[in-house]
Amino acid sequence: MTTLTATEARKQLYTLLDDVSQSHDPIQIAGKRHSAVLVAEDDWRAIQETLHLDSIPGMRDSIVDGMKTSVEQCEEDLDW
């Protein structure tokens, strides 16, 4: 992960926004008191969704089981 000082990040902010959105590589921004990580909005939303789903009891096992199921086994005629 690339690390920049807050001063460097401030100078390149718009370029950094474009870079993380296109590359999906986060950038660490190190300040004198604190540090932070710049991630693309789409990546942040995906992280939040993953954390939410992982917080639901049994969801992880259900997803893993679903991934092991072939497409043919998922086909079902719906009676709508």
N, C-alpha and C. Protein backbone atom coordinates (compact mmCIF):
# COMPACT_ATOMS: atom_id res chain seq x y z
N MET A 1 0.86 -1.17 0.00
CA MET A 1 0.00 0.00 0.00
C MET A 1 0.91 1.23 0.00
N THR A 2 0.58 2.15 -0.86
CA THR A 2 1.32 3.41 -0.93
C THR A 2 1.02 4.26 0.30
N THR A 3 2.04 4.90 0.84
CA THR A 3 1.87 5.79 1.98
C THR A 3 2.37 7.18 1.60
N LEU A 4 1.55 8.18 1.88
CA LEU A 4 1.91 9.57 1.63
C LEU A 4 1.72 10.37 2.91
N THR A 5 2.45 11.46 3.03
CA THR A 5 2.19 12.36 4.14
C THR A 5 0.92 13.14 3.82
N ALA A 6 0.34 13.72 4.84
CA ALA A 6 -0.86 14.52 4.64
C ALA A 6 -0.59 15.69 3.70
N THR A 7 0.58 16.26 3.80
CA THR A 7 0.94 17.38 2.92
C THR A 7 1.01 16.93 1.46
N GLU A 8 1.65 15.78 1.22
CA GLU A 8 1.72 15.25 -0.14
C GLU A 8 0.33 14.92 -0.67
N ALA A 9 -0.50 14.30 0.17
CA ALA A 9 -1.85 13.93 -0.25
C ALA A 9 -2.67 15.17 -0.57
N ARG A 10 -2.53 16.21 0.20
CA ARG A 10 -3.28 17.45 -0.04
C ARG A 10 -2.92 18.03 -1.41
N LYS A 11 -1.65 17.99 -1.76
CA LYS A 11 -1.21 18.53 -3.05
C LYS A 11 -1.75 17.72 -4.22
N GLN A 12 -1.97 16.42 -4.01
CA GLN A 12 -2.36 15.52 -5.10
C GLN A 12 -3.78 14.99 -4.96
N LEU A 13 -4.61 15.63 -4.17
CA LEU A 13 -5.90 15.05 -3.80
C LEU A 13 -6.74 14.59 -4.99
N TYR A 14 -6.92 15.44 -5.97
CA TYR A 14 -7.77 15.05 -7.10
C TYR A 14 -7.18 13.89 -7.89
N THR A 15 -5.88 13.88 -8.04
CA THR A 15 -5.22 12.76 -8.72
C THR A 15 -5.37 11.48 -7.92
N LEU A 16 -5.23 11.58 -6.60
CA LEU A 16 -5.38 10.41 -5.74
C LEU A 16 -6.79 9.84 -5.82
N LEU A 17 -7.79 10.72 -5.85
CA LEU A 17 -9.17 10.26 -5.97
C LEU A 17 -9.36 9.46 -7.26
N ASP A 18 -8.82 9.97 -8.35
CA ASP A 18 -8.90 9.24 -9.62
C ASP A 18 -8.17 7.91 -9.54
N ASP A 19 -6.97 7.93 -8.95
CA ASP A 19 -6.14 6.73 -8.88
C ASP A 19 -6.81 5.61 -8.09
N VAL A 20 -7.33 5.93 -6.89
CA VAL A 20 -7.93 4.86 -6.08
C VAL A 20 -9.22 4.36 -6.70
N SER A 21 -9.93 5.23 -7.40
CA SER A 21 -11.17 4.79 -8.06
C SER A 21 -10.89 3.84 -9.21
N GLN A 22 -9.80 4.07 -9.92
CA GLN A 22 -9.47 3.24 -11.08
C GLN A 22 -8.69 1.98 -10.69
N SER A 23 -7.74 2.10 -9.77
CA SER A 23 -6.88 0.97 -9.43
C SER A 23 -7.42 0.10 -8.30
N HIS A 24 -8.28 0.66 -7.48
CA HIS A 24 -8.82 -0.02 -6.29
C HIS A 24 -7.73 -0.35 -5.28
N ASP A 25 -6.59 0.34 -5.37
CA ASP A 25 -5.52 0.20 -4.39
C ASP A 25 -5.66 1.33 -3.37
N PRO A 26 -5.84 1.00 -2.09
CA PRO A 26 -5.97 2.06 -1.09
C PRO A 26 -4.64 2.79 -0.89
N ILE A 27 -4.73 4.00 -0.37
CA ILE A 27 -3.55 4.81 -0.11
C ILE A 27 -3.60 5.25 1.35
N GLN A 28 -2.51 4.97 2.07
CA GLN A 28 -2.42 5.40 3.46
C GLN A 28 -1.93 6.85 3.48
N ILE A 29 -2.59 7.65 4.29
CA ILE A 29 -2.20 9.05 4.47
C ILE A 29 -1.77 9.21 5.92
N ALA A 30 -0.49 9.50 6.11
CA ALA A 30 0.08 9.60 7.45
C ALA A 30 0.19 11.06 7.87
N GLY A 31 -0.49 11.38 8.95
CA GLY A 31 -0.41 12.72 9.50
C GLY A 31 0.50 12.73 10.72
N LYS A 32 0.71 13.90 11.30
CA LYS A 32 1.56 14.00 12.48
C LYS A 32 0.90 13.36 13.70
N ARG A 33 -0.43 13.46 13.80
CA ARG A 33 -1.14 12.91 14.95
C ARG A 33 -1.88 11.61 14.63
N HIS A 34 -2.39 11.50 13.43
CA HIS A 34 -3.19 10.34 13.07
C HIS A 34 -2.92 9.95 11.62
N SER A 35 -3.33 8.73 11.29
CA SER A 35 -3.25 8.25 9.91
C SER A 35 -4.63 7.80 9.47
N ALA A 36 -4.81 7.76 8.15
CA ALA A 36 -6.07 7.32 7.57
C ALA A 36 -5.78 6.61 6.27
N VAL A 37 -6.80 5.96 5.72
CA VAL A 37 -6.66 5.26 4.46
C VAL A 37 -7.71 5.78 3.49
N LEU A 38 -7.27 6.12 2.29
CA LEU A 38 -8.16 6.58 1.23
C LEU A 38 -8.53 5.38 0.37
N VAL A 39 -9.83 5.09 0.29
CA VAL A 39 -10.31 4.00 -0.55
C VAL A 39 -11.40 4.54 -1.48
N ALA A 40 -11.59 3.87 -2.60
CA ALA A 40 -12.64 4.27 -3.54
C ALA A 40 -14.00 4.05 -2.89
N GLU A 41 -14.96 4.87 -3.26
CA GLU A 41 -16.30 4.77 -2.69
C GLU A 41 -16.92 3.39 -2.93
N ASP A 42 -16.78 2.86 -4.13
CA ASP A 42 -17.32 1.53 -4.44
C ASP A 42 -16.71 0.47 -3.53
N ASP A 43 -15.40 0.58 -3.29
CA ASP A 43 -14.72 -0.38 -2.43
C ASP A 43 -15.22 -0.24 -0.98
N TRP A 44 -15.40 0.99 -0.53
CA TRP A 44 -15.89 1.22 0.83
C TRP A 44 -17.29 0.62 1.00
N ARG A 45 -18.15 0.82 0.01
CA ARG A 45 -19.50 0.25 0.09
C ARG A 45 -19.45 -1.28 0.11
N ALA A 46 -18.55 -1.87 -0.66
CA ALA A 46 -18.40 -3.33 -0.67
C ALA A 46 -17.91 -3.84 0.69
N ILE A 47 -17.00 -3.12 1.29
CA ILE A 47 -16.51 -3.48 2.63
C ILE A 47 -17.66 -3.42 3.64
N GLN A 48 -18.42 -2.34 3.58
CA GLN A 48 -19.55 -2.19 4.50
C GLN A 48 -20.58 -3.30 4.32
N GLU A 49 -20.87 -3.65 3.07
CA GLU A 49 -21.84 -4.72 2.80
C GLU A 49 -21.33 -6.05 3.33
N THR A 50 -20.04 -6.32 3.12
CA THR A 50 -19.45 -7.56 3.62
C THR A 50 -19.52 -7.63 5.13
N LEU A 51 -19.19 -6.54 5.80
CA LEU A 51 -19.27 -6.52 7.26
C LEU A 51 -20.70 -6.73 7.75
N HIS A 52 -21.65 -6.11 7.06
CA HIS A 52 -23.05 -6.29 7.43
C HIS A 52 -23.48 -7.74 7.28
N LEU A 53 -23.20 -8.33 6.12
CA LEU A 53 -23.59 -9.72 5.89
C LEU A 53 -22.91 -10.67 6.87
N ASP A 54 -21.65 -10.38 7.18
CA ASP A 54 -20.90 -11.22 8.11
C ASP A 54 -21.45 -11.11 9.54
N SER A 55 -22.16 -10.03 9.83
CA SER A 55 -22.71 -9.85 11.18
C SER A 55 -24.01 -10.64 11.39
N ILE A 56 -24.60 -11.16 10.33
CA ILE A 56 -25.85 -11.92 10.43
C ILE A 56 -25.50 -13.37 10.74
N PRO A 57 -25.99 -13.89 11.88
CA PRO A 57 -25.67 -15.27 12.24
C PRO A 57 -26.07 -16.26 11.13
N GLY A 58 -25.13 -17.14 10.77
CA GLY A 58 -25.38 -18.17 9.78
C GLY A 58 -25.23 -17.72 8.33
N MET A 59 -25.08 -16.42 8.10
CA MET A 59 -25.00 -15.92 6.72
C MET A 59 -23.75 -16.41 6.01
N ARG A 60 -22.63 -16.42 6.69
CA ARG A 60 -21.38 -16.86 6.07
C ARG A 60 -21.51 -18.31 5.58
N ASP A 61 -22.03 -19.18 6.44
CA ASP A 61 -22.19 -20.59 6.05
C ASP A 61 -23.16 -20.73 4.89
N SER A 62 -24.22 -19.93 4.90
CA SER A 62 -25.20 -19.97 3.82
C SER A 62 -24.57 -19.55 2.49
N ILE A 63 -23.74 -18.53 2.53
CA ILE A 63 -23.07 -18.07 1.31
C ILE A 63 -22.09 -19.12 0.80
N VAL A 64 -21.31 -19.70 1.71
CA VAL A 64 -20.35 -20.74 1.32
C VAL A 64 -21.08 -21.93 0.72
N ASP A 65 -22.18 -22.36 1.35
CA ASP A 65 -22.98 -23.47 0.80
C ASP A 65 -23.53 -23.12 -0.58
N GLY A 66 -24.00 -21.91 -0.73
CA GLY A 66 -24.55 -21.47 -2.01
C GLY A 66 -23.50 -21.46 -3.11
N MET A 67 -22.27 -21.10 -2.75
CA MET A 67 -21.20 -21.09 -3.74
C MET A 67 -20.82 -22.49 -4.19
N LYS A 68 -21.09 -23.48 -3.35
CA LYS A 68 -20.78 -24.87 -3.70
C LYS A 68 -21.89 -25.50 -4.54
N THR A 69 -23.02 -24.84 -4.63
CA THR A 69 -24.17 -25.37 -5.36
C THR A 69 -24.04 -25.05 -6.85
N SER A 70 -24.20 -26.06 -7.69
CA SER A 70 -24.10 -25.82 -9.14
C SER A 70 -25.31 -25.04 -9.63
N VAL A 71 -25.17 -24.39 -10.76
CA VAL A 71 -26.26 -23.61 -11.34
C VAL A 71 -27.45 -24.50 -11.66
N GLU A 72 -27.17 -25.71 -12.14
CA GLU A 72 -28.25 -26.63 -12.49
C GLU A 72 -29.13 -26.95 -11.28
N GLN A 73 -28.52 -27.04 -10.12
CA GLN A 73 -29.27 -27.33 -8.90
C GLN A 73 -30.11 -26.13 -8.45
N CYS A 74 -29.77 -24.95 -8.93
CA CYS A 74 -30.48 -23.74 -8.54
C CYS A 74 -31.69 -23.48 -9.43
N GLU A 75 -31.72 -24.11 -10.60
CA GLU A 75 -32.83 -23.87 -11.51
C GLU A 75 -34.11 -24.39 -10.91
N GLU A 76 -35.12 -23.58 -11.00
CA GLU A 76 -36.39 -23.95 -10.42
C GLU A 76 -37.49 -23.21 -11.18
N ASP A 77 -38.54 -23.92 -11.51
CA ASP A 77 -39.68 -23.27 -12.17
C ASP A 77 -40.48 -22.54 -11.12
N LEU A 78 -40.66 -21.26 -11.34
CA LEU A 78 -41.43 -20.46 -10.40
C LEU A 78 -42.90 -20.47 -10.81
N ASP A 79 -43.75 -20.60 -9.83
CA ASP A 79 -45.20 -20.63 -10.07
C ASP A 79 -45.79 -19.28 -9.70
N TRP A 80 -45.56 -18.29 -10.59
CA TRP A 80 -46.06 -16.95 -10.31
C TRP A 80 -47.31 -16.77 -11.03
